Protein backbone atom coordinates (compact mmCIF):
# COMPACT_ATOMS: atom_id res chain seq x y z
CA UNK A 1 41.98 57.54 -35.37
CA UNK A 2 40.07 58.48 -32.26
CA UNK A 3 38.34 55.59 -30.43
CA UNK A 4 34.67 56.09 -29.66
CA UNK A 5 33.81 55.50 -26.03
CA UNK A 6 30.38 54.20 -25.05
CA UNK A 7 28.85 56.12 -22.13
CA UNK A 8 28.59 53.95 -18.95
CA UNK A 9 24.79 54.20 -18.79
CA UNK A 10 24.42 53.14 -22.42
CA UNK A 11 26.78 50.19 -21.91
CA UNK A 12 24.72 49.05 -18.89
CA UNK A 13 21.48 49.33 -20.87
CA UNK A 14 22.93 47.24 -23.69
CA UNK A 15 24.08 44.55 -21.22
CA UNK A 16 20.67 44.33 -19.54
CA UNK A 17 18.93 44.15 -22.91
CA UNK A 18 21.24 41.32 -23.98
CA UNK A 19 20.53 39.37 -20.80
CA UNK A 20 16.76 39.79 -21.21
CA UNK A 21 16.95 38.55 -24.79
CA UNK A 22 18.90 35.48 -23.68
CA UNK A 23 16.44 34.69 -20.93
CA UNK A 24 13.46 34.75 -23.27
CA UNK A 25 14.99 32.00 -25.35
CA UNK A 26 14.19 29.38 -22.64
CA UNK A 27 10.72 29.67 -21.07
CA UNK A 28 10.57 29.15 -17.30
CA UNK A 29 8.85 25.94 -16.17
CA UNK A 30 7.13 25.70 -12.79
CA UNK A 31 8.12 22.65 -10.74
CA UNK A 32 4.81 21.12 -9.68
CA UNK A 33 6.35 17.84 -8.59
CA UNK A 34 6.36 14.50 -10.45
CA UNK A 35 3.54 13.96 -12.95
CA UNK A 36 3.42 10.25 -12.05
CA UNK A 37 3.78 8.51 -8.69
CA UNK A 38 7.42 8.16 -7.60
CA UNK A 39 8.95 4.91 -8.72
CA UNK A 40 6.77 4.58 -11.83
CA UNK A 41 8.77 6.88 -14.10
CA UNK A 42 10.28 5.19 -17.18
CA UNK A 43 13.93 4.30 -16.68
CA UNK A 44 14.88 5.38 -20.20
CA UNK A 45 13.34 7.38 -23.02
CA UNK A 46 14.20 4.69 -25.56
CA UNK A 47 15.25 1.03 -25.42
CA UNK A 48 18.87 0.57 -24.47
CA UNK A 49 20.89 -1.10 -27.20
CA UNK A 50 22.70 -4.24 -26.08
CA UNK A 51 25.60 -5.79 -27.90
CA UNK A 52 25.06 -9.58 -27.68
CA UNK A 53 28.76 -10.13 -28.41
CA UNK A 54 29.95 -7.96 -25.52
CA UNK A 55 32.31 -10.14 -23.45
CA UNK A 56 31.12 -8.45 -20.24
CA UNK A 57 27.70 -10.08 -20.72
CA UNK A 58 29.19 -13.59 -20.56
CA UNK A 59 29.44 -15.54 -17.35
CA UNK A 60 32.99 -15.97 -16.05
CA UNK A 61 34.41 -19.43 -16.51
CA UNK A 62 33.06 -21.76 -13.83
CA UNK A 63 30.23 -19.41 -12.79
CA UNK A 64 26.60 -20.51 -12.75
CA UNK A 65 23.27 -18.70 -12.75
CA UNK A 66 21.37 -18.35 -9.48
CA UNK A 67 18.38 -20.57 -8.81
CA UNK A 68 15.18 -19.28 -10.44
CA UNK A 69 12.94 -17.35 -8.05
CA UNK A 70 9.15 -17.22 -8.19
CA UNK A 71 7.96 -13.69 -7.52
CA UNK A 72 5.15 -13.18 -5.03
CA UNK A 73 2.06 -12.18 -7.00
CA UNK A 74 -0.78 -10.46 -5.14
CA UNK A 75 -4.39 -10.65 -6.28
CA UNK A 76 -6.87 -8.25 -4.67
CA UNK A 77 -10.65 -8.63 -4.94
CA UNK A 78 -12.99 -6.11 -3.32
CA UNK A 79 -16.77 -6.33 -3.36
CA UNK A 80 -18.73 -3.56 -5.04
CA UNK A 81 -19.70 -1.93 -1.76
CA UNK A 82 -16.12 -1.94 -0.50
CA UNK A 83 -17.23 -3.66 2.71
CA UNK A 84 -14.97 -6.67 2.20
CA UNK A 85 -11.63 -7.18 0.47
CA UNK A 86 -9.63 -10.36 -0.15
CA UNK A 87 -5.92 -10.45 -0.93
CA UNK A 88 -4.21 -13.60 -2.19
CA UNK A 89 -0.48 -14.10 -2.53
CA UNK A 90 1.60 -17.21 -3.10
CA UNK A 91 2.02 -17.56 0.67
CA UNK A 92 -1.02 -16.01 2.40
CA UNK A 93 -4.71 -15.20 2.24
CA UNK A 94 -6.03 -12.05 3.91
CA UNK A 95 -9.58 -10.82 4.41
CA UNK A 96 -10.33 -7.24 5.45
CA UNK A 97 -13.82 -6.44 6.75
CA UNK A 98 -14.88 -2.85 7.33
CA UNK A 99 -15.94 -2.24 10.90
CA UNK A 100 -19.37 -0.91 9.87
CA UNK A 101 -20.48 -4.32 8.59
CA UNK A 102 -19.46 -5.99 11.85
CA UNK A 103 -20.08 -3.49 14.65
CA UNK A 104 -22.09 -0.49 15.66
CA UNK A 105 -20.43 2.90 15.97
CA UNK A 106 -17.69 2.92 18.62
CA UNK A 107 -18.73 -0.59 19.67
CA UNK A 108 -17.09 -4.01 19.82
CA UNK A 109 -20.40 -5.90 19.86
CA UNK A 110 -20.96 -7.91 16.68
CA UNK A 111 -24.17 -7.22 14.78
CA UNK A 112 -26.51 -9.75 13.17
CA UNK A 113 -24.74 -9.71 9.80
CA UNK A 114 -21.28 -10.24 11.22
CA UNK A 115 -21.45 -13.96 11.94
CA UNK A 116 -22.30 -14.89 8.35
CA UNK A 117 -19.29 -12.95 7.04
CA UNK A 118 -16.94 -14.43 9.64
CA UNK A 119 -18.31 -17.93 8.98
CA UNK A 120 -17.40 -17.55 5.32
CA UNK A 121 -13.83 -16.71 6.34
CA UNK A 122 -13.78 -19.73 8.66
CA UNK A 123 -14.81 -21.93 5.73
CA UNK A 124 -11.84 -20.66 3.71
CA UNK A 125 -9.51 -21.29 6.66
CA UNK A 126 -10.71 -24.90 6.71
CA UNK A 127 -10.23 -25.12 2.94
CA UNK A 128 -6.64 -23.95 3.28
CA UNK A 129 -5.97 -26.23 6.29
CA UNK A 130 -4.48 -23.25 8.11
CA UNK A 131 -3.39 -23.65 11.73
CA UNK A 132 -1.99 -20.13 12.35
CA UNK A 133 -4.44 -17.26 12.14
CA UNK A 134 -3.78 -13.54 12.61
CA UNK A 135 -6.68 -11.28 13.60
CA UNK A 136 -5.77 -7.58 13.62
CA UNK A 137 -8.05 -4.65 14.40
CA UNK A 138 -7.61 -1.07 13.14
CA UNK A 139 -9.38 2.27 13.58
CA UNK A 140 -9.23 5.70 11.97
CA UNK A 141 -7.43 8.67 13.54
CA UNK A 142 -10.47 10.21 15.22
CA UNK A 143 -10.44 10.14 19.00
CA UNK A 144 -7.44 9.32 21.16
CA UNK A 145 -4.83 6.78 20.16
CA UNK A 146 -5.31 4.90 23.45
CA UNK A 147 -9.06 4.56 22.90
CA UNK A 148 -8.45 3.36 19.35
CA UNK A 149 -5.97 0.80 20.62
CA UNK A 150 -8.49 -0.61 23.09
CA UNK A 151 -11.40 -0.60 20.63
CA UNK A 152 -9.41 -2.20 17.81
CA UNK A 153 -8.20 -4.97 20.14
CA UNK A 154 -11.72 -5.61 21.45
CA UNK A 155 -13.04 -5.88 17.90
CA UNK A 156 -10.27 -8.28 16.93
CA UNK A 157 -11.08 -10.39 20.00
CA UNK A 158 -14.77 -10.50 19.03
CA UNK A 159 -13.94 -11.77 15.53
CA UNK A 160 -11.49 -14.31 16.91
CA UNK A 161 -14.16 -15.66 19.29
CA UNK A 162 -16.50 -16.41 16.37
CA UNK A 163 -13.71 -18.02 14.36
CA UNK A 164 -12.87 -20.23 17.32
CA UNK A 165 -16.52 -21.29 17.63
CA UNK A 166 -16.77 -22.03 13.92
CA UNK A 167 -13.50 -23.91 13.57
CA UNK A 168 -13.60 -25.92 16.81
CA UNK A 169 -9.96 -26.90 16.39
CA UNK A 170 -7.62 -26.92 19.38
CA UNK A 171 -4.66 -27.22 17.01
CA UNK A 172 -5.14 -23.67 15.70
CA UNK A 173 -3.15 -20.82 17.21
CA UNK A 174 -4.24 -17.19 17.03
CA UNK A 175 -2.33 -13.94 17.02
CA UNK A 176 -4.74 -11.16 18.00
CA UNK A 177 -3.74 -7.48 18.08
CA UNK A 178 -5.25 -4.01 18.06
CA UNK A 179 -3.31 -1.33 16.18
CA UNK A 180 -5.55 1.74 16.62
CA UNK A 181 -4.85 4.21 13.77
CA UNK A 182 -1.50 2.65 12.79
CA UNK A 183 -1.07 1.19 9.29
CA UNK A 184 -3.88 3.02 7.45
CA UNK A 185 -4.76 1.74 3.97
CA UNK A 186 -6.41 5.02 2.90
CA UNK A 187 -6.23 8.71 3.75
CA UNK A 188 -7.79 9.77 7.05
CA UNK A 189 -8.51 13.19 5.54
CA UNK A 190 -11.91 12.06 4.22
CA UNK A 191 -14.74 9.98 5.68
CA UNK A 192 -14.46 7.55 2.75
CA UNK A 193 -10.81 6.95 3.65
CA UNK A 194 -11.50 6.69 7.38
CA UNK A 195 -14.19 4.11 6.65
CA UNK A 196 -11.64 1.91 4.87
CA UNK A 197 -9.22 2.26 7.79
CA UNK A 198 -11.80 1.12 10.35
CA UNK A 199 -11.43 -2.60 9.72
CA UNK A 200 -10.58 -6.06 11.02
CA UNK A 201 -8.13 -8.18 9.04
CA UNK A 202 -7.97 -11.97 9.19
CA UNK A 203 -4.95 -13.58 7.53
CA UNK A 204 -3.49 -17.07 7.39
CA UNK A 205 -0.98 -19.12 5.34
CA UNK A 206 -2.13 -20.56 2.04
CA UNK A 207 -2.46 -24.34 2.03
CA UNK A 208 -2.06 -26.97 -0.68
CA UNK A 209 -5.77 -27.14 -1.54
């Protein structure tokens, strides 16, 4: 019997056709990045079955469980305008005031509305019996970093001066800093984000009240 030989060109065409058929079985998917923020993906597609009788789940003889730990829970409340935000944790209280409600543009001079807002913070400091207060100023990323550093520090100083007048307590210590555009809380790509970043934060330890 004479073997039939397939011409080289025909063999190549058959191979390419086979590869194309195989490739069409699995559609290509574009990688557009994660569909949810990193770190929020589910750890498993279904609950993991646990054998309660597994000896590896038992404590070794003589071992004890660690002391229970209370997790730090943060509560954030922001007014409807977004001008003021309060954050409460188990350890601290922090107020963030947008610069526009305290100062004029590119200014460290407090406006007429500022004192009432700072006085309300002072009242909460008294309520918490706090003796260590941090006053930090921040700007957006417009202008030079050096100018932002100076302006943010001047604004923090202005807020601290009012707190000192309101509290009238020589036992209180202040930590006052200006951070310029460092530590933004929103994107500087939009004016809405830059407005949030232009702020003064006042924070202090939570008391036993």
